[in-house]
C-alpha atoms as a PDB file:
ATOM      1  CA  VAL A   1      -0.136  -0.288  -0.006  1.00  0.00           C
ATOM      2  CA  GLN A   2       1.471   3.439  -1.136  1.00  0.00           C
ATOM      3  CA  LEU A   3      -0.247   6.911  -0.045  1.00  0.00           C
ATOM      4  CA  VAL A   4       1.614   9.811  -1.581  1.00  0.00           C
ATOM      5  CA  GLU A   5       0.231  13.405  -1.497  1.00  0.00           C
ATOM      6  CA  SER A   6       1.663  16.288  -3.049  1.00  0.00           C
ATOM      7  CA  GLY A   7       0.500  19.783  -3.921  1.00  0.00           C
ATOM      8  CA  GLY A   8       1.544  21.559  -0.682  1.00  0.00           C
ATOM      9  CA  GLY A   9       3.666  24.415  -0.663  1.00  0.00           C
ATOM     10  CA  LEU A  10       3.978  28.271   0.509  1.00  0.00           C
ATOM     11  CA  VAL A  11       1.079  30.986   0.308  1.00  0.00           C
ATOM     12  CA  GLN A  12       0.105  33.966   1.796  1.00  0.00           C
ATOM     13  CA  PRO A  13      -3.159  34.318   3.432  1.00  0.00           C
ATOM     14  CA  GLY A  14      -5.870  34.423   1.559  1.00  0.00           C
ATOM     15  CA  GLY A  15      -4.482  32.027  -1.375  1.00  0.00           C
ATOM     16  CA  SER A  16      -5.243  28.284  -2.843  1.00  0.00           C
ATOM     17  CA  LEU A  17      -3.750  25.089  -2.912  1.00  0.00           C
ATOM     18  CA  ARG A  18      -4.878  21.666  -4.123  1.00  0.00           C
ATOM     19  CA  LEU A  19      -3.492  19.148  -3.015  1.00  0.00           C
ATOM     20  CA  SER A  20      -3.469  15.593  -4.079  1.00  0.00           C
ATOM     21  CA  CYS A  21      -3.025  11.802  -2.400  1.00  0.00           C
ATOM     22  CA  ALA A  22      -2.379   9.152  -5.245  1.00  0.00           C
ATOM     23  CA  ALA A  23      -2.994   5.355  -3.725  1.00  0.00           C
ATOM     24  CA  SER A  24      -2.333   2.217  -4.855  1.00  0.00           C
ATOM     25  CA  GLY A  25      -1.917  -1.566  -4.012  1.00  0.00           C
ATOM     26  CA  PHE A  26      -5.498  -1.333  -2.109  1.00  0.00           C
ATOM     27  CA  THR A  27      -9.187  -1.669  -3.960  1.00  0.00           C
ATOM     28  CA  PHE A  28      -9.575   2.533  -3.753  1.00  0.00           C
ATOM     29  CA  ARG A  29     -13.690   2.090  -4.153  1.00  0.00           C
ATOM     30  CA  ASP A  30     -13.953  -0.341  -1.144  1.00  0.00           C
ATOM     31  CA  TYR A  31     -12.811   2.816   1.418  1.00  0.00           C
ATOM     32  CA  HIS A  32     -13.311   6.444   2.483  1.00  0.00           C
ATOM     33  CA  MET A  33     -10.769   8.331   2.269  1.00  0.00           C
ATOM     34  CA  SER A  34      -9.722  11.205   4.365  1.00  0.00           C
ATOM     35  CA  TRP A  35      -7.582  14.230   4.658  1.00  0.00           C
ATOM     36  CA  TYR A  36      -5.941  14.668   8.180  1.00  0.00           C
ATOM     37  CA  ARG A  37      -3.361  17.778   9.599  1.00  0.00           C
ATOM     38  CA  GLN A  38      -0.810  17.990  11.792  1.00  0.00           C
ATOM     39  CA  ALA A  39       0.318  21.238  13.180  1.00  0.00           C
ATOM     40  CA  PRO A  40       3.880  21.250  15.085  1.00  0.00           C
ATOM     41  CA  GLY A  41       3.073  20.524  18.534  1.00  0.00           C
ATOM     42  CA  LYS A  42      -0.093  19.262  18.046  1.00  0.00           C
ATOM     43  CA  GLU A  43      -2.177  16.129  17.285  1.00  0.00           C
ATOM     44  CA  ARG A  44      -3.467  14.969  13.676  1.00  0.00           C
ATOM     45  CA  GLU A  45      -6.758  15.937  13.557  1.00  0.00           C
ATOM     46  CA  ARG A  46      -9.760  14.970  10.536  1.00  0.00           C
ATOM     47  CA  VAL A  47      -9.789  17.533   8.261  1.00  0.00           C
ATOM     48  CA  ALA A  48     -12.013  16.395   5.842  1.00  0.00           C
ATOM     49  CA  ARG A  49     -13.600  12.882   4.825  1.00  0.00           C
ATOM     50  CA  ILE A  50     -15.460  11.565   1.738  1.00  0.00           C
ATOM     51  CA  GLU A  51     -17.730   8.368   0.821  1.00  0.00           C
ATOM     52  CA  ASN A  52     -15.856   6.009  -0.865  1.00  0.00           C
ATOM     53  CA  PHE A  53     -18.510   6.437  -4.288  1.00  0.00           C
ATOM     54  CA  GLY A  54     -17.524  10.151  -3.373  1.00  0.00           C
ATOM     55  CA  VAL A  55     -21.568  11.127  -2.955  1.00  0.00           C
ATOM     56  CA  GLY A  56     -21.449  11.922   0.823  1.00  0.00           C
ATOM     57  CA  THR A  57     -18.753  14.571   2.318  1.00  0.00           C
ATOM     58  CA  LYS A  58     -17.840  15.637   5.913  1.00  0.00           C
ATOM     59  CA  HIS A  59     -15.565  18.665   6.790  1.00  0.00           C
ATOM     60  CA  ALA A  60     -14.175  19.809  10.008  1.00  0.00           C
ATOM     61  CA  ASP A  61     -16.002  23.029  11.241  1.00  0.00           C
ATOM     62  CA  SER A  62     -12.615  24.675  10.602  1.00  0.00           C
ATOM     63  CA  VAL A  63     -12.215  24.364   7.045  1.00  0.00           C
ATOM     64  CA  LYS A  64     -15.731  24.244   6.322  1.00  0.00           C
ATOM     65  CA  GLY A  65     -16.554  26.586   3.395  1.00  0.00           C
ATOM     66  CA  ARG A  66     -13.108  27.101   2.530  1.00  0.00           C
ATOM     67  CA  PHE A  67     -11.827  23.919   1.668  1.00  0.00           C
ATOM     68  CA  THR A  68     -13.345  20.917  -0.518  1.00  0.00           C
ATOM     69  CA  ILE A  69     -12.574  17.331  -0.616  1.00  0.00           C
ATOM     70  CA  SER A  70     -13.312  15.147  -3.985  1.00  0.00           C
ATOM     71  CA  ARG A  71     -12.010  12.187  -5.228  1.00  0.00           C
ATOM     72  CA  ASP A  72     -11.010  10.011  -8.716  1.00  0.00           C
ATOM     73  CA  ASN A  73     -11.913   6.810  -8.394  1.00  0.00           C
ATOM     74  CA  ALA A  74     -10.740   5.836 -11.778  1.00  0.00           C
ATOM     75  CA  LYS A  75      -7.353   7.567 -11.088  1.00  0.00           C
ATOM     76  CA  SER A  76      -7.309   6.388  -7.300  1.00  0.00           C
ATOM     77  CA  THR A  77      -6.699   9.774  -6.127  1.00  0.00           C
ATOM     78  CA  VAL A  78      -8.249  11.917  -3.133  1.00  0.00           C
ATOM     79  CA  TYR A  79      -8.056  15.591  -3.724  1.00  0.00           C
ATOM     80  CA  LEU A  80      -8.225  18.522  -1.032  1.00  0.00           C
ATOM     81  CA  GLN A  81      -8.971  21.973  -2.589  1.00  0.00           C
ATOM     82  CA  MET A  82      -8.301  24.493   0.060  1.00  0.00           C
ATOM     83  CA  ASN A  83      -9.664  28.277  -0.185  1.00  0.00           C
ATOM     84  CA  SER A  84      -8.985  31.486   1.754  1.00  0.00           C
ATOM     85  CA  LEU A  85      -6.000  29.837   3.530  1.00  0.00           C
ATOM     86  CA  LYS A  86      -4.876  31.128   7.189  1.00  0.00           C
ATOM     87  CA  PRO A  87      -1.664  31.153   9.047  1.00  0.00           C
ATOM     88  CA  GLU A  88      -3.508  28.519  11.213  1.00  0.00           C
ATOM     89  CA  ASP A  89      -4.100  25.892   8.443  1.00  0.00           C
ATOM     90  CA  THR A  90      -0.238  25.652   8.467  1.00  0.00           C
ATOM     91  CA  ALA A  91       0.719  22.020   9.093  1.00  0.00           C
ATOM     92  CA  MET A  92       1.571  18.697   7.459  1.00  0.00           C
ATOM     93  CA  TYR A  93      -1.516  17.033   5.430  1.00  0.00           C
ATOM     94  CA  TYR A  94      -1.515  13.949   5.065  1.00  0.00           C
ATOM     95  CA  CYS A  95      -4.357  11.267   3.479  1.00  0.00           C
ATOM     96  CA  ASN A  96      -5.901   7.437   4.874  1.00  0.00           C
ATOM     97  CA  ALA A  97      -8.262   4.871   4.177  1.00  0.00           C
ATOM     98  CA  ALA A  98     -10.889   3.441   6.419  1.00  0.00           C
ATOM     99  CA  THR A  99     -13.540   0.806   5.776  1.00  0.00           C
ATOM    100  CA  THR A 100     -16.455   2.387   7.799  1.00  0.00           C
ATOM    101  CA  TRP A 101     -17.315   6.227   7.323  1.00  0.00           C
ATOM    102  CA  THR A 102     -15.986   7.528  11.491  1.00  0.00           C
ATOM    103  CA  GLY A 103     -12.877   4.380  11.479  1.00  0.00           C
ATOM    104  CA  ASP A 104      -9.791   4.738  12.134  1.00  0.00           C
ATOM    105  CA  PRO A 105      -7.528   4.942   9.406  1.00  0.00           C
ATOM    106  CA  THR A 106      -6.265   1.628   8.052  1.00  0.00           C
ATOM    107  CA  PHE A 107      -3.094   2.119   6.061  1.00  0.00           C
ATOM    108  CA  HIS A 108       0.888   3.415   7.362  1.00  0.00           C
ATOM    109  CA  TRP A 109       0.994   7.072   6.804  1.00  0.00           C
ATOM    110  CA  GLY A 110       2.454   8.471   3.951  1.00  0.00           C
ATOM    111  CA  GLN A 111       5.221  11.301   4.429  1.00  0.00           C
ATOM    112  CA  GLY A 112       2.396  14.097   4.017  1.00  0.00           C
ATOM    113  CA  THR A 113       2.615  16.924   2.195  1.00  0.00           C
ATOM    114  CA  GLN A 114       3.352  20.699   3.977  1.00  0.00           C
ATOM    115  CA  VAL A 115       0.945  23.622   4.038  1.00  0.00           C
ATOM    116  CA  THR A 116       2.960  27.115   4.898  1.00  0.00           C
ATOM    117  CA  VAL A 117       0.710  29.830   4.815  1.00  0.00           C
ATOM    118  CA  SER A 118       2.829  32.782   5.687  1.00  0.00           C
ATOM    119  CA  SER A 119       3.199  36.188   4.224  1.00  0.00           C
END
């Protein structure tokens, strides 16, 4: 199993980024996918999740209205569109899979992609 996150970078407050997570080694469409983030000194938190066929989504209150999760099962890829970024969004971002809607991450974590929001 591989989860490879990309798309992070340095962006000014108010800017946008689109993260991608390419998955391999498992049947992607069988799993609900989530994006998580971990800031220095803080615990990892889930920011968004999407059902296996992409019909249902849920976003954390802290990102609701600014971030949008989506997926392409044909490409085994999940995305996180991040708009109106704030300094408090600075963190390492990771994706992972779960077999149930509220389930814990199933696989080992990938390397993540760093998002830094700063002027």
